[in-house]
Amino acid sequence: MDEKTIEFLENHIPEIAQAAVTQAYWTALASGFKVLQAEGGNLVEVSPDGSKKNC
């Protein structure tokens, strides 16, 4: 890869990382797992049915 290609890819790392996190979140829920996330400074458990529970 040339320097221009590397720089282009490096500049998009935050977008790529966010897409990966979003995909992992939905994949976990679709697989029947619960997901923990931060909301307003609190830790919240999200269930596949969309219900939320403070932890």
N, C-alpha and C. Protein backbone atom coordinates (compact mmCIF):
# COMPACT_ATOMS: atom_id res chain seq x y z
N MET A 1 0.85 -1.18 0.00
CA MET A 1 0.00 0.00 0.00
C MET A 1 0.89 1.24 0.00
N ASP A 2 0.43 2.24 -0.68
CA ASP A 2 1.19 3.48 -0.67
C ASP A 2 0.74 4.37 0.50
N GLU A 3 1.48 5.42 0.72
CA GLU A 3 1.22 6.30 1.86
C GLU A 3 -0.17 6.93 1.80
N LYS A 4 -0.62 7.28 0.61
CA LYS A 4 -1.95 7.91 0.45
C LYS A 4 -3.06 6.94 0.86
N THR A 5 -2.94 5.68 0.49
CA THR A 5 -3.93 4.67 0.85
C THR A 5 -3.96 4.46 2.36
N ILE A 6 -2.79 4.35 2.96
CA ILE A 6 -2.70 4.15 4.41
C ILE A 6 -3.32 5.33 5.15
N GLU A 7 -3.01 6.53 4.71
CA GLU A 7 -3.56 7.72 5.36
C GLU A 7 -5.08 7.76 5.22
N PHE A 8 -5.59 7.42 4.05
CA PHE A 8 -7.03 7.38 3.84
C PHE A 8 -7.70 6.41 4.81
N LEU A 9 -7.14 5.20 4.91
CA LEU A 9 -7.71 4.19 5.81
C LEU A 9 -7.61 4.62 7.27
N GLU A 10 -6.47 5.18 7.66
CA GLU A 10 -6.30 5.64 9.04
C GLU A 10 -7.32 6.73 9.41
N ASN A 11 -7.63 7.58 8.46
CA ASN A 11 -8.59 8.65 8.72
C ASN A 11 -10.01 8.12 8.93
N HIS A 12 -10.27 6.89 8.51
CA HIS A 12 -11.61 6.32 8.64
C HIS A 12 -11.71 5.28 9.76
N ILE A 13 -10.68 5.14 10.55
CA ILE A 13 -10.70 4.16 11.66
C ILE A 13 -11.87 4.41 12.61
N PRO A 14 -12.15 5.65 13.03
CA PRO A 14 -13.29 5.84 13.95
C PRO A 14 -14.63 5.37 13.35
N GLU A 15 -14.85 5.63 12.08
CA GLU A 15 -16.09 5.19 11.44
C GLU A 15 -16.17 3.68 11.36
N ILE A 16 -15.06 3.06 11.00
CA ILE A 16 -15.01 1.60 10.88
C ILE A 16 -15.23 0.95 12.24
N ALA A 17 -14.61 1.52 13.27
CA ALA A 17 -14.76 0.98 14.63
C ALA A 17 -16.21 1.11 15.11
N GLN A 18 -16.84 2.25 14.86
CA GLN A 18 -18.23 2.44 15.27
C GLN A 18 -19.14 1.45 14.57
N ALA A 19 -18.91 1.21 13.29
CA ALA A 19 -19.72 0.25 12.54
C ALA A 19 -19.55 -1.16 13.12
N ALA A 20 -18.33 -1.51 13.51
CA ALA A 20 -18.07 -2.83 14.08
C ALA A 20 -18.78 -3.00 15.43
N VAL A 21 -18.76 -1.96 16.25
CA VAL A 21 -19.43 -2.02 17.56
C VAL A 21 -20.94 -2.15 17.37
N THR A 22 -21.49 -1.38 16.46
CA THR A 22 -22.93 -1.45 16.19
C THR A 22 -23.33 -2.83 15.69
N GLN A 23 -22.54 -3.38 14.79
CA GLN A 23 -22.85 -4.71 14.27
C GLN A 23 -22.76 -5.77 15.38
N ALA A 24 -21.75 -5.67 16.23
CA ALA A 24 -21.60 -6.63 17.33
C ALA A 24 -22.78 -6.54 18.30
N TYR A 25 -23.24 -5.33 18.58
CA TYR A 25 -24.38 -5.10 19.46
C TYR A 25 -25.61 -5.83 18.93
N TRP A 26 -25.95 -5.60 17.65
CA TRP A 26 -27.14 -6.20 17.07
C TRP A 26 -26.98 -7.70 16.87
N THR A 27 -25.79 -8.16 16.56
CA THR A 27 -25.55 -9.59 16.41
C THR A 27 -25.75 -10.31 17.74
N ALA A 28 -25.25 -9.71 18.82
CA ALA A 28 -25.42 -10.30 20.15
C ALA A 28 -26.90 -10.41 20.51
N LEU A 29 -27.65 -9.33 20.31
CA LEU A 29 -29.08 -9.36 20.62
C LEU A 29 -29.82 -10.36 19.74
N ALA A 30 -29.49 -10.40 18.45
CA ALA A 30 -30.15 -11.33 17.53
C ALA A 30 -29.83 -12.78 17.87
N SER A 31 -28.71 -13.01 18.56
CA SER A 31 -28.32 -14.36 18.96
C SER A 31 -28.92 -14.76 20.30
N GLY A 32 -29.69 -13.85 20.90
CA GLY A 32 -30.35 -14.16 22.16
C GLY A 32 -29.59 -13.75 23.40
N PHE A 33 -28.51 -13.02 23.23
CA PHE A 33 -27.71 -12.59 24.38
C PHE A 33 -28.15 -11.21 24.85
N LYS A 34 -27.88 -10.92 26.11
CA LYS A 34 -28.10 -9.59 26.66
C LYS A 34 -26.84 -8.77 26.43
N VAL A 35 -26.99 -7.45 26.37
CA VAL A 35 -25.88 -6.54 26.13
C VAL A 35 -25.87 -5.48 27.22
N LEU A 36 -24.70 -5.16 27.72
CA LEU A 36 -24.55 -4.07 28.69
C LEU A 36 -24.13 -2.81 27.95
N GLN A 37 -24.74 -1.69 28.34
CA GLN A 37 -24.35 -0.42 27.74
C GLN A 37 -24.49 0.68 28.78
N ALA A 38 -23.78 1.75 28.56
CA ALA A 38 -23.86 2.90 29.45
C ALA A 38 -24.90 3.87 28.93
N GLU A 39 -25.77 4.32 29.82
CA GLU A 39 -26.79 5.31 29.49
C GLU A 39 -26.84 6.33 30.62
N GLY A 40 -26.50 7.54 30.31
CA GLY A 40 -26.56 8.61 31.31
C GLY A 40 -25.73 8.33 32.54
N GLY A 41 -24.60 7.70 32.38
CA GLY A 41 -23.72 7.40 33.50
C GLY A 41 -24.10 6.14 34.26
N ASN A 42 -25.14 5.45 33.82
CA ASN A 42 -25.57 4.21 34.46
C ASN A 42 -25.31 3.03 33.53
N LEU A 43 -25.07 1.87 34.11
CA LEU A 43 -24.92 0.66 33.34
C LEU A 43 -26.28 0.01 33.19
N VAL A 44 -26.65 -0.30 31.95
CA VAL A 44 -27.97 -0.83 31.64
C VAL A 44 -27.82 -2.14 30.89
N GLU A 45 -28.61 -3.14 31.28
CA GLU A 45 -28.64 -4.42 30.59
C GLU A 45 -29.81 -4.40 29.61
N VAL A 46 -29.50 -4.63 28.32
CA VAL A 46 -30.52 -4.63 27.29
C VAL A 46 -30.77 -6.08 26.87
N SER A 47 -32.03 -6.51 26.88
CA SER A 47 -32.41 -7.86 26.49
C SER A 47 -32.80 -7.89 25.03
N PRO A 48 -32.79 -9.09 24.43
CA PRO A 48 -33.15 -9.20 23.02
C PRO A 48 -34.56 -8.68 22.71
N ASP A 49 -35.45 -8.67 23.71
CA ASP A 49 -36.82 -8.17 23.46
C ASP A 49 -36.90 -6.64 23.58
N GLY A 50 -35.77 -6.00 23.87
CA GLY A 50 -35.72 -4.55 23.96
C GLY A 50 -35.90 -4.00 25.35
N SER A 51 -36.22 -4.87 26.30
CA SER A 51 -36.39 -4.39 27.68
C SER A 51 -35.03 -4.03 28.27
N LYS A 52 -35.06 -3.08 29.21
CA LYS A 52 -33.83 -2.61 29.84
C LYS A 52 -33.93 -2.72 31.35
N LYS A 53 -32.78 -3.01 31.97
CA LYS A 53 -32.73 -3.16 33.42
C LYS A 53 -31.47 -2.48 33.91
N ASN A 54 -31.61 -1.59 34.91
CA ASN A 54 -30.44 -0.94 35.50
C ASN A 54 -29.63 -1.98 36.26
N CYS A 55 -28.34 -1.85 36.19
CA CYS A 55 -27.45 -2.78 36.90
C CYS A 55 -26.82 -2.11 38.10
